[in-house]
Amino acid sequence: MEYPITFGYRAAGEVVESRDKAVAIGHRVFGNWRHTEYTTMPGAQALEQTLPPELTWSDGVDIGQMGPICVNGVAFAESEHRGSPVVVFGAGPVGLITAQVARADGAAKVYIVDRIPSRLLHAQDLGLEPIEAAPGLDVAAMLKRRHGSEGIPVVFEATGSASALHEAIRVVRRLGLVVALGFYQGEAVGLRLGDEFHHNGVRVVSGQIGNVHPAWSRETLRARTRDLALAGELVLGGLGRLVIPVEEVAEGFAALARPSEVLQVALEYSGQ
């Protein structure tokens, strides 16, 4: 690693200086540059990444990267979710956006599973079906009793927990599909591949944004995110986030250790 260390990967802002006649001062853009008060980009890119006036700065932040992550994940479902109920594990930003994208793309009903009640309230407000992963509740058994053993063709795993990945495998039907969106770290504790994965022939595919679906590009993923937001089918910035001045970034990192209170953190630059 080299000093100074840069961090962050999604942002929105306005043009304060331009050498391109087509890009006016005050032009609003979204993107995925590092956390910094100023950045530069080609004029053509600034025009391509225009933030429409109907959308907020917080919307723009998510169009830059978070939305495309989720659109990409749904693309890896290969349309198998359409017309059927689907399940999303994780009511964090990735799970909440993925659930909305899956619904907009034809899922008949979207369940979202999490162990944190406050996050499930966000899911409920979005018209999703929340399921609290409370101790003693067998989510897979409950959903299979409700929809039948063949009822759920696709599950999206967005927690990064190996045990949640195992539960996702248990939920999906025989020969069904699990799209893994979480960032799995360390050993896969709780993932038992000798159970449903083996006996039911479940397919598990990585839907990480580093693995862009062959039919899509980063540009088309962003465009799809923007269009869904403009159509009112996707809530982005309205999901709620703790916005703090960049000078207080340490507080932002500390807040992430309180997942029941904070869904996500954004940094704001004064521009002065």
Protein backbone atom coordinates (compact mmCIF):
# COMPACT_ATOMS: atom_id res chain seq x y z
CA MET A 1 0.00 0.00 0.00
CA GLU A 2 1.10 3.54 -0.66
CA TYR A 3 0.51 6.74 1.25
CA PRO A 4 -1.77 8.66 1.07
CA ILE A 5 -4.36 5.87 1.23
CA THR A 6 -7.51 6.50 -0.82
CA PHE A 7 -10.81 4.87 0.08
CA GLY A 8 -14.39 4.79 -1.12
CA TYR A 9 -15.87 3.90 -4.47
CA ARG A 10 -19.13 5.74 -5.20
CA ALA A 11 -19.98 9.41 -5.29
CA ALA A 12 -21.99 12.23 -6.83
CA GLY A 13 -21.17 15.89 -7.33
CA GLU A 14 -21.35 18.92 -9.58
CA VAL A 15 -18.94 20.40 -12.09
CA VAL A 16 -17.04 23.43 -10.75
CA GLU A 17 -14.62 23.85 -13.67
CA SER A 18 -14.93 22.75 -17.29
CA ARG A 19 -12.78 22.83 -20.39
CA ASP A 20 -15.52 21.17 -22.46
CA LYS A 21 -18.10 23.54 -23.96
CA ALA A 22 -20.75 20.82 -23.74
CA VAL A 23 -20.34 20.49 -19.96
CA ALA A 24 -21.60 23.49 -18.03
CA ILE A 25 -20.57 24.63 -14.57
CA GLY A 26 -23.06 23.14 -12.13
CA HIS A 27 -23.64 20.03 -14.25
CA ARG A 28 -24.62 17.17 -11.90
CA VAL A 29 -22.81 13.85 -12.26
CA PHE A 30 -22.68 10.45 -10.58
CA GLY A 31 -19.78 8.02 -10.58
CA ASN A 32 -17.53 5.73 -8.62
CA TRP A 33 -14.47 7.82 -7.91
CA ARG A 34 -12.65 7.67 -4.59
CA HIS A 35 -13.70 9.76 -1.59
CA THR A 36 -12.24 13.15 -2.40
CA GLU A 37 -13.52 16.70 -2.61
CA TYR A 38 -12.41 17.13 -6.22
CA THR A 39 -11.89 14.76 -9.13
CA THR A 40 -11.55 15.08 -12.90
CA MET A 41 -13.11 13.16 -15.76
CA PRO A 42 -13.43 13.49 -19.54
CA GLY A 43 -16.28 15.67 -20.73
CA ALA A 44 -17.92 12.78 -22.57
CA GLN A 45 -17.97 10.75 -19.36
CA ALA A 46 -19.51 13.65 -17.42
CA LEU A 47 -22.32 13.82 -19.97
CA GLU A 48 -22.83 10.05 -19.97
CA GLN A 49 -23.01 10.05 -16.17
CA THR A 50 -25.48 12.92 -15.87
CA LEU A 51 -27.55 12.88 -12.69
CA PRO A 52 -31.12 13.78 -13.72
CA PRO A 53 -32.71 16.69 -11.84
CA GLU A 54 -35.49 14.41 -10.57
CA LEU A 55 -32.97 12.42 -8.51
CA THR A 56 -31.14 13.42 -5.34
CA TRP A 57 -27.44 13.44 -4.58
CA SER A 58 -27.99 10.31 -2.49
CA ASP A 59 -29.66 8.64 -5.47
CA GLY A 60 -26.65 9.57 -7.57
CA VAL A 61 -24.26 7.96 -5.13
CA ASP A 62 -26.08 4.64 -5.51
CA ILE A 63 -26.38 4.90 -9.29
CA GLY A 64 -22.60 5.09 -9.38
CA GLN A 65 -22.00 1.65 -7.92
CA MET A 66 -24.45 0.16 -5.43
CA GLY A 67 -27.36 -0.07 -7.85
CA PRO A 68 -25.24 -1.67 -10.59
CA ILE A 69 -24.02 -4.28 -8.08
CA CYS A 70 -27.62 -5.33 -7.54
CA VAL A 71 -28.75 -5.12 -11.16
CA ASN A 72 -25.78 -7.31 -12.04
CA GLY A 73 -26.77 -9.83 -9.37
CA VAL A 74 -30.32 -10.06 -10.71
CA ALA A 75 -28.94 -10.50 -14.24
CA PHE A 76 -27.23 -13.68 -13.03
CA ALA A 77 -30.66 -15.11 -12.14
CA GLU A 78 -31.06 -15.50 -15.92
CA SER A 79 -34.78 -14.63 -15.70
CA GLU A 80 -35.52 -17.77 -13.66
CA HIS A 81 -37.06 -15.59 -10.94
CA ARG A 82 -39.76 -14.10 -13.14
CA GLY A 83 -43.30 -15.00 -12.17
CA SER A 84 -42.21 -16.77 -8.98
CA PRO A 85 -41.50 -15.87 -5.37
CA VAL A 86 -37.85 -15.19 -4.58
CA VAL A 87 -35.92 -14.74 -1.34
CA VAL A 88 -33.16 -12.30 -0.47
CA PHE A 89 -30.94 -12.91 2.54
CA GLY A 90 -29.76 -9.64 4.06
CA ALA A 91 -31.64 -6.35 4.52
CA GLY A 92 -28.58 -4.15 4.15
CA PRO A 93 -28.23 -1.78 1.19
CA VAL A 94 -27.30 -4.56 -1.25
CA GLY A 95 -30.17 -6.80 -0.16
CA LEU A 96 -32.77 -4.03 -0.15
CA ILE A 97 -31.82 -2.80 -3.61
CA THR A 98 -31.50 -6.32 -5.03
CA ALA A 99 -34.97 -7.17 -3.74
CA GLN A 100 -36.45 -4.12 -5.47
CA VAL A 101 -34.65 -4.87 -8.73
CA ALA A 102 -35.84 -8.49 -8.67
CA ARG A 103 -39.42 -7.30 -8.13
CA ALA A 104 -39.16 -4.78 -10.96
CA ASP A 105 -37.76 -7.54 -13.16
CA GLY A 106 -40.78 -9.77 -12.70
CA ALA A 107 -40.52 -11.62 -9.38
CA ALA A 108 -44.05 -12.37 -8.15
CA LYS A 109 -43.22 -11.86 -4.48
CA VAL A 110 -39.99 -10.96 -2.69
CA TYR A 111 -39.13 -12.13 0.81
CA ILE A 112 -36.22 -10.55 2.62
CA VAL A 113 -34.57 -12.25 5.59
CA ASP A 114 -32.51 -10.56 8.29
CA ARG A 115 -31.83 -10.91 12.00
CA ILE A 116 -32.06 -7.14 12.69
CA PRO A 117 -35.67 -5.94 13.11
CA SER A 118 -34.87 -2.29 12.37
CA ARG A 119 -33.55 -3.23 8.94
CA LEU A 120 -36.63 -5.30 8.21
CA LEU A 121 -38.71 -2.17 8.77
CA HIS A 122 -37.01 -0.68 5.70
CA ALA A 123 -38.01 -3.80 3.74
CA GLN A 124 -41.60 -3.52 4.93
CA ASP A 125 -41.76 0.16 3.94
CA LEU A 126 -40.66 -0.88 0.44
CA GLY A 127 -43.52 -3.35 0.13
CA LEU A 128 -41.30 -6.38 0.55
CA GLU A 129 -42.16 -9.36 2.76
CA PRO A 130 -39.86 -9.26 5.83
CA ILE A 131 -38.82 -12.40 7.70
CA GLU A 132 -36.93 -12.05 10.97
CA ALA A 133 -34.31 -14.78 11.33
CA ALA A 134 -35.20 -15.30 14.97
CA PRO A 135 -33.72 -18.14 17.04
CA GLY A 136 -35.67 -21.33 16.54
CA LEU A 137 -37.23 -20.30 13.22
CA ASP A 138 -36.41 -22.59 10.30
CA VAL A 139 -36.83 -20.17 7.40
CA ALA A 140 -36.37 -22.82 4.73
CA ALA A 141 -38.96 -25.15 6.25
CA MET A 142 -41.45 -22.32 6.69
CA LEU A 143 -41.14 -21.13 3.10
CA LYS A 144 -41.31 -24.63 1.65
CA ARG A 145 -44.47 -25.34 3.62
CA ARG A 146 -45.91 -22.10 2.25
CA HIS A 147 -44.87 -22.46 -1.40
CA GLY A 148 -44.11 -26.14 -1.76
CA SER A 149 -40.71 -27.75 -2.14
CA GLU A 150 -40.50 -26.57 -5.78
CA GLY A 151 -41.90 -23.10 -5.19
CA ILE A 152 -38.79 -20.89 -4.96
CA PRO A 153 -36.48 -21.04 -7.99
CA VAL A 154 -33.99 -18.31 -7.08
CA VAL A 155 -32.47 -16.98 -3.86
CA PHE A 156 -30.10 -14.01 -3.57
CA GLU A 157 -27.56 -14.13 -0.72
CA ALA A 158 -26.41 -10.62 0.23
CA THR A 159 -25.01 -10.94 3.76
CA GLY A 160 -21.53 -12.33 3.22
CA SER A 161 -22.21 -14.97 5.89
CA ALA A 162 -21.36 -18.56 5.02
CA SER A 163 -24.12 -19.81 7.29
CA ALA A 164 -26.61 -17.57 5.48
CA LEU A 165 -25.36 -19.00 2.19
CA HIS A 166 -26.12 -22.44 3.58
CA GLU A 167 -29.65 -21.34 4.48
CA ALA A 168 -30.10 -19.87 1.01
CA ILE A 169 -29.18 -23.25 -0.46
CA ARG A 170 -31.76 -24.89 1.82
CA VAL A 171 -34.53 -22.51 0.71
CA VAL A 172 -34.22 -22.90 -3.05
CA ARG A 173 -35.95 -25.74 -4.91
CA ARG A 174 -34.23 -28.79 -6.33
CA LEU A 175 -31.93 -27.73 -9.19
CA GLY A 176 -32.61 -24.14 -8.17
CA LEU A 177 -30.22 -21.20 -8.29
CA VAL A 178 -28.50 -19.24 -5.52
CA VAL A 179 -26.86 -15.97 -6.58
CA ALA A 180 -24.07 -15.14 -4.13
CA LEU A 181 -23.63 -11.38 -3.76
CA GLY A 182 -21.98 -11.29 -0.34
CA PHE A 183 -18.26 -10.81 0.26
CA TYR A 184 -17.32 -14.04 2.05
CA GLN A 185 -14.22 -13.82 4.24
CA GLY A 186 -12.32 -16.42 6.21
CA GLU A 187 -13.37 -20.06 6.49
CA ALA A 188 -16.86 -21.07 5.39
CA VAL A 189 -18.11 -21.91 8.86
CA GLY A 190 -21.70 -23.12 8.74
CA LEU A 191 -21.70 -24.06 5.06
CA ARG A 192 -22.42 -27.80 4.83
CA LEU A 193 -22.10 -28.94 1.26
CA GLY A 194 -23.12 -32.50 2.05
CA ASP A 195 -26.71 -31.44 2.68
CA GLU A 196 -29.15 -29.78 0.22
CA PHE A 197 -26.37 -28.54 -2.04
CA HIS A 198 -25.33 -32.12 -2.79
CA HIS A 199 -28.68 -33.91 -2.71
CA ASN A 200 -30.77 -31.26 -4.49
CA GLY A 201 -28.23 -30.32 -7.15
CA VAL A 202 -28.37 -26.64 -6.23
CA ARG A 203 -26.44 -24.23 -8.43
CA VAL A 204 -24.47 -21.44 -6.75
CA VAL A 205 -23.16 -18.61 -8.94
CA SER A 206 -21.13 -15.53 -8.06
CA GLY A 207 -22.93 -12.33 -8.97
CA GLN A 208 -20.18 -10.01 -7.77
CA ILE A 209 -19.76 -6.76 -9.68
CA GLY A 210 -16.17 -7.73 -10.43
CA ASN A 211 -17.81 -10.45 -12.52
CA VAL A 212 -20.06 -8.37 -14.80
CA HIS A 213 -22.70 -10.47 -16.55
CA PRO A 214 -21.68 -11.12 -20.18
CA ALA A 215 -24.86 -9.51 -21.52
CA TRP A 216 -24.24 -6.28 -19.59
CA SER A 217 -21.59 -3.60 -19.13
CA ARG A 218 -20.96 -1.16 -16.31
CA GLU A 219 -22.57 1.54 -18.44
CA THR A 220 -25.77 -0.45 -19.06
CA LEU A 221 -25.95 -1.50 -15.41
CA ARG A 222 -25.86 2.17 -14.40
CA ALA A 223 -28.42 3.09 -17.02
CA ARG A 224 -30.80 0.39 -15.77
CA THR A 225 -30.38 1.62 -12.19
CA ARG A 226 -31.07 5.22 -13.23
CA ASP A 227 -34.13 4.25 -15.28
CA LEU A 228 -35.65 2.19 -12.47
CA ALA A 229 -35.15 5.08 -10.04
CA LEU A 230 -36.73 7.57 -12.45
CA ALA A 231 -39.69 5.21 -12.97
CA GLY A 232 -40.28 5.06 -9.21
CA GLU A 233 -39.60 1.32 -9.10
CA LEU A 234 -36.38 1.63 -7.12
CA VAL A 235 -35.74 3.55 -3.90
CA LEU A 236 -32.06 4.44 -3.57
CA GLY A 237 -31.17 7.51 -1.53
CA GLY A 238 -34.45 7.18 0.37
CA LEU A 239 -33.23 4.01 2.07
CA GLY A 240 -31.69 6.10 4.79
CA ARG A 241 -28.08 6.80 5.57
CA LEU A 242 -26.01 8.62 8.13
CA VAL A 243 -24.51 11.64 6.34
CA ILE A 244 -21.55 13.23 8.11
CA PRO A 245 -18.88 15.79 7.17
CA VAL A 246 -15.74 14.19 5.82
CA GLU A 247 -13.80 15.72 8.72
CA GLU A 248 -15.73 13.36 11.00
CA VAL A 249 -14.94 10.23 9.01
CA ALA A 250 -13.77 8.37 12.13
CA GLU A 251 -17.29 8.69 13.52
CA GLY A 252 -18.60 7.17 10.32
CA PHE A 253 -16.41 4.10 10.63
CA ALA A 254 -17.43 3.72 14.27
CA ALA A 255 -21.11 3.93 13.30
CA LEU A 256 -20.76 0.88 11.07
CA ALA A 257 -20.27 -1.18 14.22
CA ARG A 258 -23.90 -0.36 15.15
CA PRO A 259 -25.85 -2.14 12.39
CA SER A 260 -29.14 -1.96 14.26
CA GLU A 261 -28.89 1.85 14.22
CA VAL A 262 -27.06 2.62 10.97
CA LEU A 263 -27.85 1.17 7.55
CA GLN A 264 -25.05 2.96 5.70
CA VAL A 265 -22.76 5.97 5.97
CA ALA A 266 -22.07 8.75 3.47
CA LEU A 267 -19.46 11.50 3.61
CA GLU A 268 -20.26 15.08 2.63
CA TYR A 269 -17.86 17.73 1.39
CA SER A 270 -18.66 21.37 2.05
CA GLY A 271 -17.13 22.58 -1.22
CA GLN A 272 -15.45 25.46 0.57
